[in-house]
Amino acid sequence: HSVIHYYLGNLACLRKDYASARAAYE
């Protein structure tokens, strides 16, 4: 489910963990 990865990316962004956010959004 892409939406789960999208929300994990959002959480990573909030933590300023942009590498994890990128991986989740990808």
PDB file of all heavy atoms in Angstrom:
ATOM      1  N   HIS A   1       0.839  -1.206   0.000  1.00  0.00           N
ATOM      2  CA  HIS A   1       0.000   0.000   0.000  1.00  0.00           C
ATOM      3  C   HIS A   1       0.871   1.252   0.000  1.00  0.00           C
ATOM      4  O   HIS A   1       1.593   1.509   0.962  1.00  0.00           O
ATOM      5  CB  HIS A   1      -0.949   0.017   1.196  1.00  0.00           C
ATOM      6  CG  HIS A   1      -2.028  -1.009   1.101  1.00  0.00           C
ATOM      7  ND1 HIS A   1      -3.070  -0.898   0.217  1.00  0.00           N
ATOM      8  CD2 HIS A   1      -2.209  -2.179   1.749  1.00  0.00           C
ATOM      9  CE1 HIS A   1      -3.864  -1.947   0.331  1.00  0.00           C
ATOM     10  NE2 HIS A   1      -3.357  -2.742   1.251  1.00  0.00           N
ATOM     11  N   SER A   2       0.790   2.008  -1.064  1.00  0.00           N
ATOM     12  CA  SER A   2       1.628   3.202  -1.187  1.00  0.00           C
ATOM     13  C   SER A   2       1.354   4.206  -0.072  1.00  0.00           C
ATOM     14  O   SER A   2       2.272   4.898   0.368  1.00  0.00           O
ATOM     15  CB  SER A   2       1.440   3.852  -2.554  1.00  0.00           C
ATOM     16  OG  SER A   2       0.131   4.364  -2.702  1.00  0.00           O
ATOM     17  N   VAL A   3       0.130   4.267   0.404  1.00  0.00           N
ATOM     18  CA  VAL A   3      -0.215   5.269   1.412  1.00  0.00           C
ATOM     19  C   VAL A   3       0.558   5.041   2.715  1.00  0.00           C
ATOM     20  O   VAL A   3       0.934   6.003   3.391  1.00  0.00           O
ATOM     21  CB  VAL A   3      -1.743   5.327   1.642  1.00  0.00           C
ATOM     22  CG1 VAL A   3      -2.257   4.103   2.369  1.00  0.00           C
ATOM     23  CG2 VAL A   3      -2.137   6.587   2.382  1.00  0.00           C
ATOM     24  N   ILE A   4       0.846   3.795   3.059  1.00  0.00           N
ATOM     25  CA  ILE A   4       1.636   3.522   4.268  1.00  0.00           C
ATOM     26  C   ILE A   4       3.035   4.112   4.108  1.00  0.00           C
ATOM     27  O   ILE A   4       3.556   4.772   5.018  1.00  0.00           O
ATOM     28  CB  ILE A   4       1.711   2.008   4.546  1.00  0.00           C
ATOM     29  CG1 ILE A   4       0.318   1.435   4.829  1.00  0.00           C
ATOM     30  CG2 ILE A   4       2.658   1.722   5.720  1.00  0.00           C
ATOM     31  CD1 ILE A   4       0.263  -0.085   4.871  1.00  0.00           C
ATOM     32  N   HIS A   5       3.626   3.902   2.954  1.00  0.00           N
ATOM     33  CA  HIS A   5       4.972   4.428   2.694  1.00  0.00           C
ATOM     34  C   HIS A   5       4.950   5.953   2.669  1.00  0.00           C
ATOM     35  O   HIS A   5       5.882   6.600   3.165  1.00  0.00           O
ATOM     36  CB  HIS A   5       5.513   3.859   1.390  1.00  0.00           C
ATOM     37  CG  HIS A   5       5.698   2.383   1.443  1.00  0.00           C
ATOM     38  ND1 HIS A   5       6.782   1.780   2.038  1.00  0.00           N
ATOM     39  CD2 HIS A   5       4.906   1.369   1.003  1.00  0.00           C
ATOM     40  CE1 HIS A   5       6.666   0.474   1.954  1.00  0.00           C
ATOM     41  NE2 HIS A   5       5.530   0.195   1.328  1.00  0.00           N
ATOM     42  N   TYR A   6       3.892   6.522   2.106  1.00  0.00           N
ATOM     43  CA  TYR A   6       3.748   7.980   2.084  1.00  0.00           C
ATOM     44  C   TYR A   6       3.750   8.549   3.503  1.00  0.00           C
ATOM     45  O   TYR A   6       4.483   9.494   3.804  1.00  0.00           O
ATOM     46  CB  TYR A   6       2.464   8.368   1.335  1.00  0.00           C
ATOM     47  CG  TYR A   6       2.091   9.817   1.468  1.00  0.00           C
ATOM     48  CD1 TYR A   6       2.792  10.799   0.776  1.00  0.00           C
ATOM     49  CD2 TYR A   6       1.042  10.216   2.288  1.00  0.00           C
ATOM     50  CE1 TYR A   6       2.454  12.137   0.897  1.00  0.00           C
ATOM     51  CE2 TYR A   6       0.693  11.543   2.411  1.00  0.00           C
ATOM     52  CZ  TYR A   6       1.405  12.501   1.715  1.00  0.00           C
ATOM     53  OH  TYR A   6       1.075  13.832   1.846  1.00  0.00           O
ATOM     54  N   TYR A   7       2.961   7.966   4.382  1.00  0.00           N
ATOM     55  CA  TYR A   7       2.895   8.468   5.752  1.00  0.00           C
ATOM     56  C   TYR A   7       4.189   8.215   6.517  1.00  0.00           C
ATOM     57  O   TYR A   7       4.603   9.057   7.337  1.00  0.00           O
ATOM     58  CB  TYR A   7       1.690   7.904   6.491  1.00  0.00           C
ATOM     59  CG  TYR A   7       0.404   8.554   6.054  1.00  0.00           C
ATOM     60  CD1 TYR A   7      -0.610   7.812   5.486  1.00  0.00           C
ATOM     61  CD2 TYR A   7       0.219   9.925   6.193  1.00  0.00           C
ATOM     62  CE1 TYR A   7      -1.787   8.420   5.068  1.00  0.00           C
ATOM     63  CE2 TYR A   7      -0.948  10.541   5.767  1.00  0.00           C
ATOM     64  CZ  TYR A   7      -1.950   9.776   5.214  1.00  0.00           C
ATOM     65  OH  TYR A   7      -3.110  10.376   4.789  1.00  0.00           O
ATOM     66  N   LEU A   8       4.871   7.110   6.252  1.00  0.00           N
ATOM     67  CA  LEU A   8       6.184   6.898   6.861  1.00  0.00           C
ATOM     68  C   LEU A   8       7.169   7.967   6.386  1.00  0.00           C
ATOM     69  O   LEU A   8       7.993   8.454   7.165  1.00  0.00           O
ATOM     70  CB  LEU A   8       6.703   5.496   6.547  1.00  0.00           C
ATOM     71  CG  LEU A   8       6.053   4.368   7.329  1.00  0.00           C
ATOM     72  CD1 LEU A   8       6.471   3.014   6.763  1.00  0.00           C
ATOM     73  CD2 LEU A   8       6.395   4.456   8.818  1.00  0.00           C
ATOM     74  N   GLY A   9       7.070   8.334   5.120  1.00  0.00           N
ATOM     75  CA  GLY A   9       7.897   9.421   4.597  1.00  0.00           C
ATOM     76  C   GLY A   9       7.604  10.736   5.295  1.00  0.00           C
ATOM     77  O   GLY A   9       8.517  11.491   5.638  1.00  0.00           O
ATOM     78  N   ASN A  10       6.326  11.000   5.534  1.00  0.00           N
ATOM     79  CA  ASN A  10       5.963  12.236   6.234  1.00  0.00           C
ATOM     80  C   ASN A  10       6.542  12.263   7.648  1.00  0.00           C
ATOM     81  O   ASN A  10       7.052  13.294   8.101  1.00  0.00           O
ATOM     82  CB  ASN A  10       4.441  12.381   6.306  1.00  0.00           C
ATOM     83  CG  ASN A  10       3.824  12.710   4.969  1.00  0.00           C
ATOM     84  OD1 ASN A  10       4.515  13.027   4.008  1.00  0.00           O
ATOM     85  ND2 ASN A  10       2.517  12.615   4.884  1.00  0.00           N
ATOM     86  N   LEU A  11       6.467  11.130   8.337  1.00  0.00           N
ATOM     87  CA  LEU A  11       7.039  11.062   9.688  1.00  0.00           C
ATOM     88  C   LEU A  11       8.550  11.274   9.653  1.00  0.00           C
ATOM     89  O   LEU A  11       9.104  11.986  10.499  1.00  0.00           O
ATOM     90  CB  LEU A  11       6.693   9.728  10.347  1.00  0.00           C
ATOM     91  CG  LEU A  11       5.232   9.527  10.726  1.00  0.00           C
ATOM     92  CD1 LEU A  11       4.997   8.102  11.206  1.00  0.00           C
ATOM     93  CD2 LEU A  11       4.812  10.521  11.791  1.00  0.00           C
ATOM     94  N   ALA A  12       9.217  10.684   8.677  1.00  0.00           N
ATOM     95  CA  ALA A  12      10.666  10.873   8.542  1.00  0.00           C
ATOM     96  C   ALA A  12      10.989  12.344   8.268  1.00  0.00           C
ATOM     97  O   ALA A  12      11.959  12.879   8.818  1.00  0.00           O
ATOM     98  CB  ALA A  12      11.215   9.974   7.444  1.00  0.00           C
ATOM     99  N   CYS A  13      10.172  12.999   7.459  1.00  0.00           N
ATOM    100  CA  CYS A  13      10.381  14.429   7.186  1.00  0.00           C
ATOM    101  C   CYS A  13      10.256  15.259   8.462  1.00  0.00           C
ATOM    102  O   CYS A  13      11.035  16.187   8.684  1.00  0.00           O
ATOM    103  CB  CYS A  13       9.393  14.936   6.140  1.00  0.00           C
ATOM    104  SG  CYS A  13       9.926  14.671   4.460  1.00  0.00           S
ATOM    105  N   LEU A  14       9.287  14.930   9.271  1.00  0.00           N
ATOM    106  CA  LEU A  14       9.117  15.646  10.534  1.00  0.00           C
ATOM    107  C   LEU A  14      10.354  15.513  11.420  1.00  0.00           C
ATOM    108  O   LEU A  14      10.692  16.444  12.164  1.00  0.00           O
ATOM    109  CB  LEU A  14       7.879  15.142  11.278  1.00  0.00           C
ATOM    110  CG  LEU A  14       6.539  15.512  10.659  1.00  0.00           C
ATOM    111  CD1 LEU A  14       5.405  14.790  11.383  1.00  0.00           C
ATOM    112  CD2 LEU A  14       6.331  17.021  10.692  1.00  0.00           C
ATOM    113  N   ARG A  15      11.031  14.383  11.325  1.00  0.00           N
ATOM    114  CA  ARG A  15      12.263  14.163  12.093  1.00  0.00           C
ATOM    115  C   ARG A  15      13.489  14.722  11.355  1.00  0.00           C
ATOM    116  O   ARG A  15      14.603  14.601  11.855  1.00  0.00           O
ATOM    117  CB  ARG A  15      12.477  12.670  12.335  1.00  0.00           C
ATOM    118  CG  ARG A  15      11.481  12.028  13.260  1.00  0.00           C
ATOM    119  CD  ARG A  15      11.896  10.600  13.626  1.00  0.00           C
ATOM    120  NE  ARG A  15      12.320   9.807  12.491  1.00  0.00           N
ATOM    121  CZ  ARG A  15      11.536   8.980  11.791  1.00  0.00           C
ATOM    122  NH1 ARG A  15      10.261   8.831  12.127  1.00  0.00           N
ATOM    123  NH2 ARG A  15      12.009   8.291  10.783  1.00  0.00           N
ATOM    124  N   LYS A  16      13.262  15.279  10.175  1.00  0.00           N
ATOM    125  CA  LYS A  16      14.329  15.781   9.304  1.00  0.00           C
ATOM    126  C   LYS A  16      15.285  14.667   8.865  1.00  0.00           C
ATOM    127  O   LYS A  16      16.461  14.893   8.626  1.00  0.00           O
ATOM    128  CB  LYS A  16      15.076  16.944   9.957  1.00  0.00           C
ATOM    129  CG  LYS A  16      14.182  18.144  10.219  1.00  0.00           C
ATOM    130  CD  LYS A  16      14.963  19.322  10.668  1.00  0.00           C
ATOM    131  CE  LYS A  16      14.127  20.507  11.074  1.00  0.00           C
ATOM    132  NZ  LYS A  16      12.991  20.866  10.330  1.00  0.00           N
ATOM    133  N   ASP A  17      14.752  13.470   8.767  1.00  0.00           N
ATOM    134  CA  ASP A  17      15.496  12.313   8.264  1.00  0.00           C
ATOM    135  C   ASP A  17      15.146  12.170   6.787  1.00  0.00           C
ATOM    136  O   ASP A  17      14.326  11.340   6.392  1.00  0.00           O
ATOM    137  CB  ASP A  17      15.108  11.063   9.062  1.00  0.00           C
ATOM    138  CG  ASP A  17      15.836   9.809   8.605  1.00  0.00           C
ATOM    139  OD1 ASP A  17      16.631   9.881   7.632  1.00  0.00           O
ATOM    140  OD2 ASP A  17      15.590   8.751   9.202  1.00  0.00           O
ATOM    141  N   TYR A  18      15.777  13.006   5.976  1.00  0.00           N
ATOM    142  CA  TYR A  18      15.400  13.104   4.577  1.00  0.00           C
ATOM    143  C   TYR A  18      15.784  11.864   3.765  1.00  0.00           C
ATOM    144  O   TYR A  18      15.114  11.544   2.793  1.00  0.00           O
ATOM    145  CB  TYR A  18      15.973  14.377   3.967  1.00  0.00           C
ATOM    146  CG  TYR A  18      15.448  15.615   4.659  1.00  0.00           C
ATOM    147  CD1 TYR A  18      16.300  16.565   5.192  1.00  0.00           C
ATOM    148  CD2 TYR A  18      14.073  15.812   4.817  1.00  0.00           C
ATOM    149  CE1 TYR A  18      15.815  17.695   5.841  1.00  0.00           C
ATOM    150  CE2 TYR A  18      13.576  16.927   5.470  1.00  0.00           C
ATOM    151  CZ  TYR A  18      14.455  17.862   5.979  1.00  0.00           C
ATOM    152  OH  TYR A  18      13.958  18.971   6.632  1.00  0.00           O
ATOM    153  N   ALA A  19      16.830  11.158   4.172  1.00  0.00           N
ATOM    154  CA  ALA A  19      17.193   9.930   3.461  1.00  0.00           C
ATOM    155  C   ALA A  19      16.100   8.878   3.634  1.00  0.00           C
ATOM    156  O   ALA A  19      15.700   8.229   2.663  1.00  0.00           O
ATOM    157  CB  ALA A  19      18.535   9.407   3.958  1.00  0.00           C
ATOM    158  N   SER A  20      15.589   8.731   4.849  1.00  0.00           N
ATOM    159  CA  SER A  20      14.502   7.772   5.087  1.00  0.00           C
ATOM    160  C   SER A  20      13.221   8.223   4.401  1.00  0.00           C
ATOM    161  O   SER A  20      12.471   7.403   3.872  1.00  0.00           O
ATOM    162  CB  SER A  20      14.254   7.590   6.583  1.00  0.00           C
ATOM    163  OG  SER A  20      15.370   6.981   7.185  1.00  0.00           O
ATOM    164  N   ALA A  21      12.975   9.532   4.422  1.00  0.00           N
ATOM    165  CA  ALA A  21      11.782  10.063   3.752  1.00  0.00           C
ATOM    166  C   ALA A  21      11.851   9.766   2.262  1.00  0.00           C
ATOM    167  O   ALA A  21      10.876   9.305   1.670  1.00  0.00           O
ATOM    168  CB  ALA A  21      11.664  11.561   3.999  1.00  0.00           C
ATOM    169  N   ARG A  22      13.007  10.019   1.674  1.00  0.00           N
ATOM    170  CA  ARG A  22      13.164   9.755   0.244  1.00  0.00           C
ATOM    171  C   ARG A  22      12.895   8.284  -0.066  1.00  0.00           C
ATOM    172  O   ARG A  22      12.162   7.964  -1.006  1.00  0.00           O
ATOM    173  CB  ARG A  22      14.569  10.135  -0.208  1.00  0.00           C
ATOM    174  CG  ARG A  22      14.809   9.821  -1.662  1.00  0.00           C
ATOM    175  CD  ARG A  22      16.199  10.160  -2.111  1.00  0.00           C
ATOM    176  NE  ARG A  22      16.354   9.808  -3.516  1.00  0.00           N
ATOM    177  CZ  ARG A  22      17.354  10.198  -4.270  1.00  0.00           C
ATOM    178  NH1 ARG A  22      18.311  10.953  -3.772  1.00  0.00           N
ATOM    179  NH2 ARG A  22      17.409   9.842  -5.525  1.00  0.00           N
ATOM    180  N   ALA A  23      13.463   7.390   0.725  1.00  0.00           N
ATOM    181  CA  ALA A  23      13.267   5.958   0.495  1.00  0.00           C
ATOM    182  C   ALA A  23      11.795   5.581   0.600  1.00  0.00           C
ATOM    183  O   ALA A  23      11.283   4.807  -0.222  1.00  0.00           O
ATOM    184  CB  ALA A  23      14.100   5.149   1.487  1.00  0.00           C
ATOM    185  N   ALA A  24      11.103   6.138   1.576  1.00  0.00           N
ATOM    186  CA  ALA A  24       9.680   5.822   1.753  1.00  0.00           C
ATOM    187  C   ALA A  24       8.852   6.361   0.583  1.00  0.00           C
ATOM    188  O   ALA A  24       7.987   5.651   0.048  1.00  0.00           O
ATOM    189  CB  ALA A  24       9.179   6.396   3.079  1.00  0.00           C
ATOM    190  N   TYR A  25       9.112   7.601   0.181  1.00  0.00           N
ATOM    191  CA  TYR A  25       8.361   8.172  -0.941  1.00  0.00           C
ATOM    192  C   TYR A  25       8.671   7.442  -2.245  1.00  0.00           C
ATOM    193  O   TYR A  25       7.777   7.241  -3.069  1.00  0.00           O
ATOM    194  CB  TYR A  25       8.667   9.663  -1.099  1.00  0.00           C
ATOM    195  CG  TYR A  25       8.195  10.529   0.040  1.00  0.00           C
ATOM    196  CD1 TYR A  25       8.979  11.568   0.512  1.00  0.00           C
ATOM    197  CD2 TYR A  25       6.955  10.329   0.657  1.00  0.00           C
ATOM    198  CE1 TYR A  25       8.561  12.386   1.542  1.00  0.00           C
ATOM    199  CE2 TYR A  25       6.527  11.132   1.695  1.00  0.00           C
ATOM    200  CZ  TYR A  25       7.333  12.160   2.134  1.00  0.00           C
ATOM    201  OH  TYR A  25       6.911  12.971   3.159  1.00  0.00           O
ATOM    202  N   GLU A  26       9.924   7.064  -2.437  1.00  0.00           N
ATOM    203  CA  GLU A  26      10.276   6.313  -3.647  1.00  0.00           C
ATOM    204  C   GLU A  26       9.519   4.985  -3.698  1.00  0.00           C
ATOM    205  O   GLU A  26       9.039   4.585  -4.753  1.00  0.00           O
ATOM    206  CB  GLU A  26      11.785   6.075  -3.729  1.00  0.00           C
ATOM    207  CG  GLU A  26      12.555   7.306  -4.122  1.00  0.00           C
ATOM    208  CD  GLU A  26      14.055   7.123  -4.087  1.00  0.00           C
ATOM    209  OE1 GLU A  26      14.552   6.221  -3.363  1.00  0.00           O
ATOM    210  OE2 GLU A  26      14.744   7.887  -4.780  1.00  0.00           O
TER     211      GLU A  26
END
